[in-house]
Amino acid sequence: FLKNVQDSLFRSEGRLIVGAGLKDLVVVDTLDATLIANKNSSQDI
């Protein structure tokens, strides 16, 4: 569930993710780990 979020990637494998007032983020939530990163830094992962 997002509000006032642009140009981002949100992926949930189960739990609810709520985002607000964000831009250019990658948020990926799995059963045991969550990644939060600037989208333009994804080469560094």
ModelCIF file with pLDDT and N, C-alpha, C, O atoms, coordinates in Angstrom:
data_MODEL
#
_entry.id   MODEL 
#
_entity.id                         1 
_entity.type                       polymer 
_entity.pdbx_number_of_molecules   1 
#
_entity_poly.entity_id                      1 
_entity_poly.type                           'polypeptide(L)' 
_entity_poly.nstd_linkage                   no 
_entity_poly.nstd_monomer                   no 
_entity_poly.pdbx_seq_one_letter_code       FLKNVQDSLFRSEGRLIVGAGLKDLVVVDTLDATLIANKNSSQDI 
_entity_poly.pdbx_seq_one_letter_code_can   FLKNVQDSLFRSEGRLIVGAGLKDLVVVDTLDATLIANKNSSQDI 
_entity_poly.pdbx_strand_id                 A 
#
loop_
_entity_poly_seq.entity_id 
_entity_poly_seq.num 
_entity_poly_seq.mon_id 
_entity_poly_seq.hetero 
1 1  PHE n 
1 2  LEU n 
1 3  LYS n 
1 4  ASN n 
1 5  VAL n 
1 6  GLN n 
1 7  ASP n 
1 8  SER n 
1 9  LEU n 
1 10 PHE n 
1 11 ARG n 
1 12 SER n 
1 13 GLU n 
1 14 GLY n 
1 15 ARG n 
1 16 LEU n 
1 17 ILE n 
1 18 VAL n 
1 19 GLY n 
1 20 ALA n 
1 21 GLY n 
1 22 LEU n 
1 23 LYS n 
1 24 ASP n 
1 25 LEU n 
1 26 VAL n 
1 27 VAL n 
1 28 VAL n 
1 29 ASP n 
1 30 THR n 
1 31 LEU n 
1 32 ASP n 
1 33 ALA n 
1 34 THR n 
1 35 LEU n 
1 36 ILE n 
1 37 ALA n 
1 38 ASN n 
1 39 LYS n 
1 40 ASN n 
1 41 SER n 
1 42 SER n 
1 43 GLN n 
1 44 ASP n 
1 45 ILE n 
#
_struct_asym.id          A 
_struct_asym.entity_id   1 
#
loop_
_ma_qa_metric.id 
_ma_qa_metric.mode 
_ma_qa_metric.name 
_ma_qa_metric.software_group_id 
_ma_qa_metric.type 
1 global pLDDT . pLDDT 
2 local  pLDDT . pLDDT 
#
_ma_qa_metric_global.metric_id      1 
_ma_qa_metric_global.metric_value   95.07 
_ma_qa_metric_global.model_id       1 
_ma_qa_metric_global.ordinal_id     1 
#
loop_
_ma_qa_metric_local.label_asym_id 
_ma_qa_metric_local.label_comp_id 
_ma_qa_metric_local.label_seq_id 
_ma_qa_metric_local.metric_id 
_ma_qa_metric_local.metric_value 
_ma_qa_metric_local.model_id 
_ma_qa_metric_local.ordinal_id 
A PHE 1  2 98.00 1 1  
A LEU 2  2 98.00 1 2  
A LYS 3  2 97.00 1 3  
A ASN 4  2 97.00 1 4  
A VAL 5  2 98.00 1 5  
A GLN 6  2 98.00 1 6  
A ASP 7  2 98.00 1 7  
A SER 8  2 98.00 1 8  
A LEU 9  2 97.00 1 9  
A PHE 10 2 97.00 1 10 
A ARG 11 2 96.00 1 11 
A SER 12 2 96.00 1 12 
A GLU 13 2 91.00 1 13 
A GLY 14 2 90.00 1 14 
A ARG 15 2 94.00 1 15 
A LEU 16 2 97.00 1 16 
A ILE 17 2 98.00 1 17 
A VAL 18 2 98.00 1 18 
A GLY 19 2 97.00 1 19 
A ALA 20 2 98.00 1 20 
A GLY 21 2 97.00 1 21 
A LEU 22 2 97.00 1 22 
A LYS 23 2 97.00 1 23 
A ASP 24 2 97.00 1 24 
A LEU 25 2 97.00 1 25 
A VAL 26 2 97.00 1 26 
A VAL 27 2 98.00 1 27 
A VAL 28 2 97.00 1 28 
A ASP 29 2 96.00 1 29 
A THR 30 2 94.00 1 30 
A LEU 31 2 89.00 1 31 
A ASP 32 2 91.00 1 32 
A ALA 33 2 95.00 1 33 
A THR 34 2 96.00 1 34 
A LEU 35 2 97.00 1 35 
A ILE 36 2 97.00 1 36 
A ALA 37 2 96.00 1 37 
A ASN 38 2 96.00 1 38 
A LYS 39 2 94.00 1 39 
A ASN 40 2 90.00 1 40 
A SER 41 2 89.00 1 41 
A SER 42 2 84.00 1 42 
A GLN 43 2 82.00 1 43 
A ASP 44 2 90.00 1 44 
A ILE 45 2 94.00 1 45 
#
loop_
_atom_site.group_PDB 
_atom_site.id 
_atom_site.type_symbol 
_atom_site.label_atom_id 
_atom_site.label_alt_id 
_atom_site.label_comp_id 
_atom_site.label_asym_id 
_atom_site.label_entity_id 
_atom_site.label_seq_id 
_atom_site.pdbx_PDB_ins_code 
_atom_site.Cartn_x 
_atom_site.Cartn_y 
_atom_site.Cartn_z 
_atom_site.occupancy 
_atom_site.B_iso_or_equiv 
_atom_site.pdbx_formal_charge 
_atom_site.auth_seq_id 
_atom_site.auth_comp_id 
_atom_site.auth_asym_id 
_atom_site.auth_atom_id 
_atom_site.pdbx_PDB_model_num 
ATOM 1   N N  . PHE A 1 1  ? 0.867  -1.180  0.000  1.00 98.00 ? 1  PHE A N  1 
ATOM 2   C CA . PHE A 1 1  ? 0.000  0.000   0.000  1.00 98.00 ? 1  PHE A CA 1 
ATOM 3   C C  . PHE A 1 1  ? 0.902  1.228   0.000  1.00 98.00 ? 1  PHE A C  1 
ATOM 4   O O  . PHE A 1 1  ? 1.736  1.393   0.890  1.00 98.00 ? 1  PHE A O  1 
ATOM 5   N N  . LEU A 1 2  ? 0.730  2.094   -1.008 1.00 98.00 ? 2  LEU A N  1 
ATOM 6   C CA . LEU A 1 2  ? 1.591  3.257   -1.167 1.00 98.00 ? 2  LEU A CA 1 
ATOM 7   C C  . LEU A 1 2  ? 0.780  4.540   -1.223 1.00 98.00 ? 2  LEU A C  1 
ATOM 8   O O  . LEU A 1 2  ? -0.329 4.569   -1.757 1.00 98.00 ? 2  LEU A O  1 
ATOM 9   N N  . LYS A 1 3  ? 1.360  5.614   -0.656 1.00 97.00 ? 3  LYS A N  1 
ATOM 10  C CA . LYS A 1 3  ? 0.768  6.947   -0.760 1.00 97.00 ? 3  LYS A CA 1 
ATOM 11  C C  . LYS A 1 3  ? 1.882  7.950   -1.012 1.00 97.00 ? 3  LYS A C  1 
ATOM 12  O O  . LYS A 1 3  ? 2.859  8.020   -0.267 1.00 97.00 ? 3  LYS A O  1 
ATOM 13  N N  . ASN A 1 4  ? 1.714  8.726   -2.079 1.00 97.00 ? 4  ASN A N  1 
ATOM 14  C CA . ASN A 1 4  ? 2.704  9.739   -2.448 1.00 97.00 ? 4  ASN A CA 1 
ATOM 15  C C  . ASN A 1 4  ? 4.093  9.105   -2.617 1.00 97.00 ? 4  ASN A C  1 
ATOM 16  O O  . ASN A 1 4  ? 5.085  9.582   -2.065 1.00 97.00 ? 4  ASN A O  1 
ATOM 17  N N  . VAL A 1 5  ? 4.132  8.024   -3.392 1.00 98.00 ? 5  VAL A N  1 
ATOM 18  C CA . VAL A 1 5  ? 5.385  7.325   -3.721 1.00 98.00 ? 5  VAL A CA 1 
ATOM 19  C C  . VAL A 1 5  ? 5.536  7.306   -5.236 1.00 98.00 ? 5  VAL A C  1 
ATOM 20  O O  . VAL A 1 5  ? 4.583  7.001   -5.952 1.00 98.00 ? 5  VAL A O  1 
ATOM 21  N N  . GLN A 1 6  ? 6.729  7.631   -5.725 1.00 98.00 ? 6  GLN A N  1 
ATOM 22  C CA . GLN A 1 6  ? 6.961  7.663   -7.169 1.00 98.00 ? 6  GLN A CA 1 
ATOM 23  C C  . GLN A 1 6  ? 8.262  6.930   -7.522 1.00 98.00 ? 6  GLN A C  1 
ATOM 24  O O  . GLN A 1 6  ? 9.189  6.829   -6.719 1.00 98.00 ? 6  GLN A O  1 
ATOM 25  N N  . ASP A 1 7  ? 8.286  6.423   -8.768 1.00 98.00 ? 7  ASP A N  1 
ATOM 26  C CA . ASP A 1 7  ? 9.510  5.892   -9.396 1.00 98.00 ? 7  ASP A CA 1 
ATOM 27  C C  . ASP A 1 7  ? 10.199 4.844   -8.537 1.00 98.00 ? 7  ASP A C  1 
ATOM 28  O O  . ASP A 1 7  ? 11.426 4.834   -8.430 1.00 98.00 ? 7  ASP A O  1 
ATOM 29  N N  . SER A 1 8  ? 9.425  3.970   -7.931 1.00 98.00 ? 8  SER A N  1 
ATOM 30  C CA . SER A 1 8  ? 9.984  2.998   -6.991 1.00 98.00 ? 8  SER A CA 1 
ATOM 31  C C  . SER A 1 8  ? 9.538  1.576   -7.317 1.00 98.00 ? 8  SER A C  1 
ATOM 32  O O  . SER A 1 8  ? 8.610  1.357   -8.095 1.00 98.00 ? 8  SER A O  1 
ATOM 33  N N  . LEU A 1 9  ? 10.224 0.620   -6.703 1.00 97.00 ? 9  LEU A N  1 
ATOM 34  C CA . LEU A 1 9  ? 9.885  -0.805  -6.820 1.00 97.00 ? 9  LEU A CA 1 
ATOM 35  C C  . LEU A 1 9  ? 9.617  -1.340  -5.428 1.00 97.00 ? 9  LEU A C  1 
ATOM 36  O O  . LEU A 1 9  ? 10.485 -1.271  -4.558 1.00 97.00 ? 9  LEU A O  1 
ATOM 37  N N  . PHE A 1 10 ? 8.429  -1.869  -5.206 1.00 97.00 ? 10 PHE A N  1 
ATOM 38  C CA . PHE A 1 10 ? 8.053  -2.494  -3.940 1.00 97.00 ? 10 PHE A CA 1 
ATOM 39  C C  . PHE A 1 10 ? 7.610  -3.923  -4.235 1.00 97.00 ? 10 PHE A C  1 
ATOM 40  O O  . PHE A 1 10 ? 6.756  -4.151  -5.093 1.00 97.00 ? 10 PHE A O  1 
ATOM 41  N N  . ARG A 1 11 ? 8.190  -4.875  -3.527 1.00 96.00 ? 11 ARG A N  1 
ATOM 42  C CA . ARG A 1 11 ? 7.823  -6.281  -3.717 1.00 96.00 ? 11 ARG A CA 1 
ATOM 43  C C  . ARG A 1 11 ? 7.717  -6.960  -2.357 1.00 96.00 ? 11 ARG A C  1 
ATOM 44  O O  . ARG A 1 11 ? 8.659  -6.948  -1.565 1.00 96.00 ? 11 ARG A O  1 
ATOM 45  N N  . SER A 1 12 ? 6.547  -7.555  -2.100 1.00 96.00 ? 12 SER A N  1 
ATOM 46  C CA . SER A 1 12 ? 6.324  -8.289  -0.857 1.00 96.00 ? 12 SER A CA 1 
ATOM 47  C C  . SER A 1 12 ? 6.043  -9.748  -1.179 1.00 96.00 ? 12 SER A C  1 
ATOM 48  O O  . SER A 1 12 ? 5.232  -10.061 -2.051 1.00 96.00 ? 12 SER A O  1 
ATOM 49  N N  . GLU A 1 13 ? 6.722  -10.632 -0.465 1.00 91.00 ? 13 GLU A N  1 
ATOM 50  C CA . GLU A 1 13 ? 6.479  -12.064 -0.610 1.00 91.00 ? 13 GLU A CA 1 
ATOM 51  C C  . GLU A 1 13 ? 5.527  -12.584 0.460  1.00 91.00 ? 13 GLU A C  1 
ATOM 52  O O  . GLU A 1 13 ? 5.356  -13.796 0.595  1.00 91.00 ? 13 GLU A O  1 
ATOM 53  N N  . GLY A 1 14 ? 4.904  -11.687 1.222  1.00 90.00 ? 14 GLY A N  1 
ATOM 54  C CA . GLY A 1 14 ? 3.968  -12.136 2.251  1.00 90.00 ? 14 GLY A CA 1 
ATOM 55  C C  . GLY A 1 14 ? 3.400  -11.005 3.086  1.00 90.00 ? 14 GLY A C  1 
ATOM 56  O O  . GLY A 1 14 ? 2.193  -10.765 3.065  1.00 90.00 ? 14 GLY A O  1 
ATOM 57  N N  . ARG A 1 15 ? 4.255  -10.305 3.823  1.00 94.00 ? 15 ARG A N  1 
ATOM 58  C CA . ARG A 1 15 ? 3.802  -9.276  4.740  1.00 94.00 ? 15 ARG A CA 1 
ATOM 59  C C  . ARG A 1 15 ? 3.367  -8.008  3.994  1.00 94.00 ? 15 ARG A C  1 
ATOM 60  O O  . ARG A 1 15 ? 3.776  -7.754  2.861  1.00 94.00 ? 15 ARG A O  1 
ATOM 61  N N  . LEU A 1 16 ? 2.525  -7.227  4.673  1.00 97.00 ? 16 LEU A N  1 
ATOM 62  C CA . LEU A 1 16 ? 2.096  -5.945  4.127  1.00 97.00 ? 16 LEU A CA 1 
ATOM 63  C C  . LEU A 1 16 ? 3.248  -4.947  4.213  1.00 97.00 ? 16 LEU A C  1 
ATOM 64  O O  . LEU A 1 16 ? 3.863  -4.788  5.267  1.00 97.00 ? 16 LEU A O  1 
ATOM 65  N N  . ILE A 1 17 ? 3.537  -4.275  3.093  1.00 98.00 ? 17 ILE A N  1 
ATOM 66  C CA . ILE A 1 17 ? 4.491  -3.161  3.070  1.00 98.00 ? 17 ILE A CA 1 
ATOM 67  C C  . ILE A 1 17 ? 3.702  -1.883  2.844  1.00 98.00 ? 17 ILE A C  1 
ATOM 68  O O  . ILE A 1 17 ? 2.891  -1.808  1.921  1.00 98.00 ? 17 ILE A O  1 
ATOM 69  N N  . VAL A 1 18 ? 3.930  -0.885  3.671  1.00 98.00 ? 18 VAL A N  1 
ATOM 70  C CA . VAL A 1 18 ? 3.277  0.414   3.532  1.00 98.00 ? 18 VAL A CA 1 
ATOM 71  C C  . VAL A 1 18 ? 4.357  1.469   3.329  1.00 98.00 ? 18 VAL A C  1 
ATOM 72  O O  . VAL A 1 18 ? 5.317  1.542   4.097  1.00 98.00 ? 18 VAL A O  1 
ATOM 73  N N  . GLY A 1 19 ? 4.193  2.293   2.280  1.00 97.00 ? 19 GLY A N  1 
ATOM 74  C CA . GLY A 1 19 ? 5.155  3.347   2.009  1.00 97.00 ? 19 GLY A CA 1 
ATOM 75  C C  . GLY A 1 19 ? 4.474  4.687   1.829  1.00 97.00 ? 19 GLY A C  1 
ATOM 76  O O  . GLY A 1 19 ? 3.355  4.750   1.319  1.00 97.00 ? 19 GLY A O  1 
ATOM 77  N N  . ALA A 1 20 ? 5.135  5.766   2.242  1.00 98.00 ? 20 ALA A N  1 
ATOM 78  C CA . ALA A 1 20 ? 4.560  7.109   2.097  1.00 98.00 ? 20 ALA A CA 1 
ATOM 79  C C  . ALA A 1 20 ? 5.679  8.128   1.905  1.00 98.00 ? 20 ALA A C  1 
ATOM 80  O O  . ALA A 1 20 ? 6.716  8.072   2.566  1.00 98.00 ? 20 ALA A O  1 
ATOM 81  N N  . GLY A 1 21 ? 5.440  9.069   0.973  1.00 97.00 ? 21 GLY A N  1 
ATOM 82  C CA . GLY A 1 21 ? 6.367  10.166  0.769  1.00 97.00 ? 21 GLY A CA 1 
ATOM 83  C C  . GLY A 1 21 ? 7.746  9.732   0.325  1.00 97.00 ? 21 GLY A C  1 
ATOM 84  O O  . GLY A 1 21 ? 8.746  10.219  0.853  1.00 97.00 ? 21 GLY A O  1 
ATOM 85  N N  . LEU A 1 22 ? 7.820  8.819   -0.640 1.00 97.00 ? 22 LEU A N  1 
ATOM 86  C CA . LEU A 1 22 ? 9.105  8.237   -1.041 1.00 97.00 ? 22 LEU A CA 1 
ATOM 87  C C  . LEU A 1 22 ? 9.302  8.353   -2.554 1.00 97.00 ? 22 LEU A C  1 
ATOM 88  O O  . LEU A 1 22 ? 8.345  8.545   -3.304 1.00 97.00 ? 22 LEU A O  1 
ATOM 89  N N  . LYS A 1 23 ? 10.562 8.234   -2.987 1.00 97.00 ? 23 LYS A N  1 
ATOM 90  C CA . LYS A 1 23 ? 10.893 8.308   -4.402 1.00 97.00 ? 23 LYS A CA 1 
ATOM 91  C C  . LYS A 1 23 ? 12.195 7.545   -4.656 1.00 97.00 ? 23 LYS A C  1 
ATOM 92  O O  . LYS A 1 23 ? 13.123 7.588   -3.849 1.00 97.00 ? 23 LYS A O  1 
ATOM 93  N N  . ASP A 1 24 ? 12.243 6.842   -5.799 1.00 97.00 ? 24 ASP A N  1 
ATOM 94  C CA . ASP A 1 24 ? 13.456 6.164   -6.263 1.00 97.00 ? 24 ASP A CA 1 
ATOM 95  C C  . ASP A 1 24 ? 13.974 5.127   -5.270 1.00 97.00 ? 24 ASP A C  1 
ATOM 96  O O  . ASP A 1 24 ? 15.179 5.023   -5.037 1.00 97.00 ? 24 ASP A O  1 
ATOM 97  N N  . LEU A 1 25 ? 13.045 4.357   -4.685 1.00 97.00 ? 25 LEU A N  1 
ATOM 98  C CA . LEU A 1 25 ? 13.445 3.309   -3.743 1.00 97.00 ? 25 LEU A CA 1 
ATOM 99  C C  . LEU A 1 25 ? 13.217 1.924   -4.335 1.00 97.00 ? 25 LEU A C  1 
ATOM 100 O O  . LEU A 1 25 ? 12.370 1.727   -5.206 1.00 97.00 ? 25 LEU A O  1 
ATOM 101 N N  . VAL A 1 26 ? 14.000 0.973   -3.835 1.00 97.00 ? 26 VAL A N  1 
ATOM 102 C CA . VAL A 1 26 ? 13.734 -0.452  -4.020 1.00 97.00 ? 26 VAL A CA 1 
ATOM 103 C C  . VAL A 1 26 ? 13.490 -1.035  -2.640 1.00 97.00 ? 26 VAL A C  1 
ATOM 104 O O  . VAL A 1 26 ? 14.350 -0.938  -1.765 1.00 97.00 ? 26 VAL A O  1 
ATOM 105 N N  . VAL A 1 27 ? 12.322 -1.642  -2.435 1.00 98.00 ? 27 VAL A N  1 
ATOM 106 C CA . VAL A 1 27 ? 11.990 -2.308  -1.179 1.00 98.00 ? 27 VAL A CA 1 
ATOM 107 C C  . VAL A 1 27 ? 11.513 -3.717  -1.518 1.00 98.00 ? 27 VAL A C  1 
ATOM 108 O O  . VAL A 1 27 ? 10.492 -3.892  -2.182 1.00 98.00 ? 27 VAL A O  1 
ATOM 109 N N  . VAL A 1 28 ? 12.254 -4.711  -1.060 1.00 97.00 ? 28 VAL A N  1 
ATOM 110 C CA . VAL A 1 28 ? 11.924 -6.107  -1.343 1.00 97.00 ? 28 VAL A CA 1 
ATOM 111 C C  . VAL A 1 28 ? 11.901 -6.864  -0.024 1.00 97.00 ? 28 VAL A C  1 
ATOM 112 O O  . VAL A 1 28 ? 12.915 -6.939  0.671  1.00 97.00 ? 28 VAL A O  1 
ATOM 113 N N  . ASP A 1 29 ? 10.756 -7.421  0.321  1.00 96.00 ? 29 ASP A N  1 
ATOM 114 C CA . ASP A 1 29 ? 10.575 -8.107  1.599  1.00 96.00 ? 29 ASP A CA 1 
ATOM 115 C C  . ASP A 1 29 ? 10.292 -9.581  1.347  1.00 96.00 ? 29 ASP A C  1 
ATOM 116 O O  . ASP A 1 29 ? 9.329  -9.923  0.660  1.00 96.00 ? 29 ASP A O  1 
ATOM 117 N N  . THR A 1 30 ? 11.145 -10.470 1.910  1.00 94.00 ? 30 THR A N  1 
ATOM 118 C CA . THR A 1 30 ? 10.950 -11.908 1.813  1.00 94.00 ? 30 THR A CA 1 
ATOM 119 C C  . THR A 1 30 ? 10.680 -12.469 3.200  1.00 94.00 ? 30 THR A C  1 
ATOM 120 O O  . THR A 1 30 ? 10.504 -11.712 4.154  1.00 94.00 ? 30 THR A O  1 
ATOM 121 N N  . LEU A 1 31 ? 10.647 -13.787 3.318  1.00 89.00 ? 31 LEU A N  1 
ATOM 122 C CA . LEU A 1 31 ? 10.338 -14.416 4.596  1.00 89.00 ? 31 LEU A CA 1 
ATOM 123 C C  . LEU A 1 31 ? 11.353 -14.077 5.676  1.00 89.00 ? 31 LEU A C  1 
ATOM 124 O O  . LEU A 1 31 ? 11.011 -14.009 6.857  1.00 89.00 ? 31 LEU A O  1 
ATOM 125 N N  . ASP A 1 32 ? 12.617 -13.860 5.267  1.00 91.00 ? 32 ASP A N  1 
ATOM 126 C CA . ASP A 1 32 ? 13.659 -13.715 6.280  1.00 91.00 ? 32 ASP A CA 1 
ATOM 127 C C  . ASP A 1 32 ? 14.571 -12.523 6.089  1.00 91.00 ? 32 ASP A C  1 
ATOM 128 O O  . ASP A 1 32 ? 15.493 -12.329 6.882  1.00 91.00 ? 32 ASP A O  1 
ATOM 129 N N  . ALA A 1 33 ? 14.345 -11.719 5.064  1.00 95.00 ? 33 ALA A N  1 
ATOM 130 C CA . ALA A 1 33 ? 15.226 -10.576 4.837  1.00 95.00 ? 33 ALA A CA 1 
ATOM 131 C C  . ALA A 1 33 ? 14.473 -9.487  4.084  1.00 95.00 ? 33 ALA A C  1 
ATOM 132 O O  . ALA A 1 33 ? 13.590 -9.769  3.274  1.00 95.00 ? 33 ALA A O  1 
ATOM 133 N N  . THR A 1 34 ? 14.836 -8.232  4.365  1.00 96.00 ? 34 THR A N  1 
ATOM 134 C CA . THR A 1 34 ? 14.225 -7.087  3.695  1.00 96.00 ? 34 THR A CA 1 
ATOM 135 C C  . THR A 1 34 ? 15.334 -6.181  3.164  1.00 96.00 ? 34 THR A C  1 
ATOM 136 O O  . THR A 1 34 ? 16.258 -5.815  3.889  1.00 96.00 ? 34 THR A O  1 
ATOM 137 N N  . LEU A 1 35 ? 15.224 -5.833  1.901  1.00 97.00 ? 35 LEU A N  1 
ATOM 138 C CA . LEU A 1 35 ? 16.163 -4.906  1.275  1.00 97.00 ? 35 LEU A CA 1 
ATOM 139 C C  . LEU A 1 35 ? 15.500 -3.544  1.101  1.00 97.00 ? 35 LEU A C  1 
ATOM 140 O O  . LEU A 1 35 ? 14.378 -3.451  0.602  1.00 97.00 ? 35 LEU A O  1 
ATOM 141 N N  . ILE A 1 36 ? 16.195 -2.495  1.514  1.00 97.00 ? 36 ILE A N  1 
ATOM 142 C CA . ILE A 1 36 ? 15.765 -1.117  1.270  1.00 97.00 ? 36 ILE A CA 1 
ATOM 143 C C  . ILE A 1 36 ? 16.958 -0.396  0.657  1.00 97.00 ? 36 ILE A C  1 
ATOM 144 O O  . ILE A 1 36 ? 17.998 -0.265  1.304  1.00 97.00 ? 36 ILE A O  1 
ATOM 145 N N  . ALA A 1 37 ? 16.824 0.071   -0.577 1.00 96.00 ? 37 ALA A N  1 
ATOM 146 C CA . ALA A 1 37 ? 17.959 0.675   -1.265 1.00 96.00 ? 37 ALA A CA 1 
ATOM 147 C C  . ALA A 1 37 ? 17.493 1.769   -2.208 1.00 96.00 ? 37 ALA A C  1 
ATOM 148 O O  . ALA A 1 37 ? 16.348 1.774   -2.659 1.00 96.00 ? 37 ALA A O  1 
ATOM 149 N N  . ASN A 1 38 ? 18.389 2.688   -2.499 1.00 96.00 ? 38 ASN A N  1 
ATOM 150 C CA . ASN A 1 38 ? 18.129 3.644   -3.563 1.00 96.00 ? 38 ASN A CA 1 
ATOM 151 C C  . ASN A 1 38 ? 18.141 2.910   -4.893 1.00 96.00 ? 38 ASN A C  1 
ATOM 152 O O  . ASN A 1 38 ? 19.062 2.144   -5.178 1.00 96.00 ? 38 ASN A O  1 
ATOM 153 N N  . LYS A 1 39 ? 17.130 3.140   -5.697 1.00 94.00 ? 39 LYS A N  1 
ATOM 154 C CA . LYS A 1 39 ? 17.004 2.406   -6.956 1.00 94.00 ? 39 LYS A CA 1 
ATOM 155 C C  . LYS A 1 39 ? 18.235 2.569   -7.842 1.00 94.00 ? 39 LYS A C  1 
ATOM 156 O O  . LYS A 1 39 ? 18.625 1.639   -8.549 1.00 94.00 ? 39 LYS A O  1 
ATOM 157 N N  . ASN A 1 40 ? 18.842 3.745   -7.803 1.00 90.00 ? 40 ASN A N  1 
ATOM 158 C CA . ASN A 1 40 ? 19.994 4.021   -8.661 1.00 90.00 ? 40 ASN A CA 1 
ATOM 159 C C  . ASN A 1 40 ? 21.294 3.450   -8.115 1.00 90.00 ? 40 ASN A C  1 
ATOM 160 O O  . ASN A 1 40 ? 22.348 3.607   -8.732 1.00 90.00 ? 40 ASN A O  1 
ATOM 161 N N  . SER A 1 41 ? 21.229 2.790   -6.964 1.00 89.00 ? 41 SER A N  1 
ATOM 162 C CA . SER A 1 41 ? 22.406 2.136   -6.391 1.00 89.00 ? 41 SER A CA 1 
ATOM 163 C C  . SER A 1 41 ? 22.295 0.618   -6.456 1.00 89.00 ? 41 SER A C  1 
ATOM 164 O O  . SER A 1 41 ? 23.051 -0.084  -5.784 1.00 89.00 ? 41 SER A O  1 
ATOM 165 N N  . SER A 1 42 ? 21.366 0.104   -7.251 1.00 84.00 ? 42 SER A N  1 
ATOM 166 C CA . SER A 1 42 ? 21.120 -1.342  -7.247 1.00 84.00 ? 42 SER A CA 1 
ATOM 167 C C  . SER A 1 42 ? 22.280 -2.141  -7.814 1.00 84.00 ? 42 SER A C  1 
ATOM 168 O O  . SER A 1 42 ? 22.361 -3.348  -7.584 1.00 84.00 ? 42 SER A O  1 
ATOM 169 N N  . GLN A 1 43 ? 23.197 -1.488  -8.563 1.00 82.00 ? 43 GLN A N  1 
ATOM 170 C CA . GLN A 1 43 ? 24.395 -2.200  -9.028 1.00 82.00 ? 43 GLN A CA 1 
ATOM 171 C C  . GLN A 1 43 ? 25.280 -2.616  -7.856 1.00 82.00 ? 43 GLN A C  1 
ATOM 172 O O  . GLN A 1 43 ? 26.090 -3.534  -7.983 1.00 82.00 ? 43 GLN A O  1 
ATOM 173 N N  . ASP A 1 44 ? 25.125 -1.938  -6.707 1.00 90.00 ? 44 ASP A N  1 
ATOM 174 C CA . ASP A 1 44 ? 25.994 -2.198  -5.555 1.00 90.00 ? 44 ASP A CA 1 
ATOM 175 C C  . ASP A 1 44 ? 25.535 -3.388  -4.715 1.00 90.00 ? 44 ASP A C  1 
ATOM 176 O O  . ASP A 1 44 ? 26.229 -3.776  -3.775 1.00 90.00 ? 44 ASP A O  1 
ATOM 177 N N  . ILE A 1 45 ? 24.390 -3.967  -5.033 1.00 94.00 ? 45 ILE A N  1 
ATOM 178 C CA . ILE A 1 45 ? 23.830 -5.009  -4.174 1.00 94.00 ? 45 ILE A CA 1 
ATOM 179 C C  . ILE A 1 45 ? 24.696 -6.266  -4.173 1.00 94.00 ? 45 ILE A C  1 
ATOM 180 O O  . ILE A 1 45 ? 24.367 -7.242  -3.499 1.00 94.00 ? 45 ILE A O  1 
#
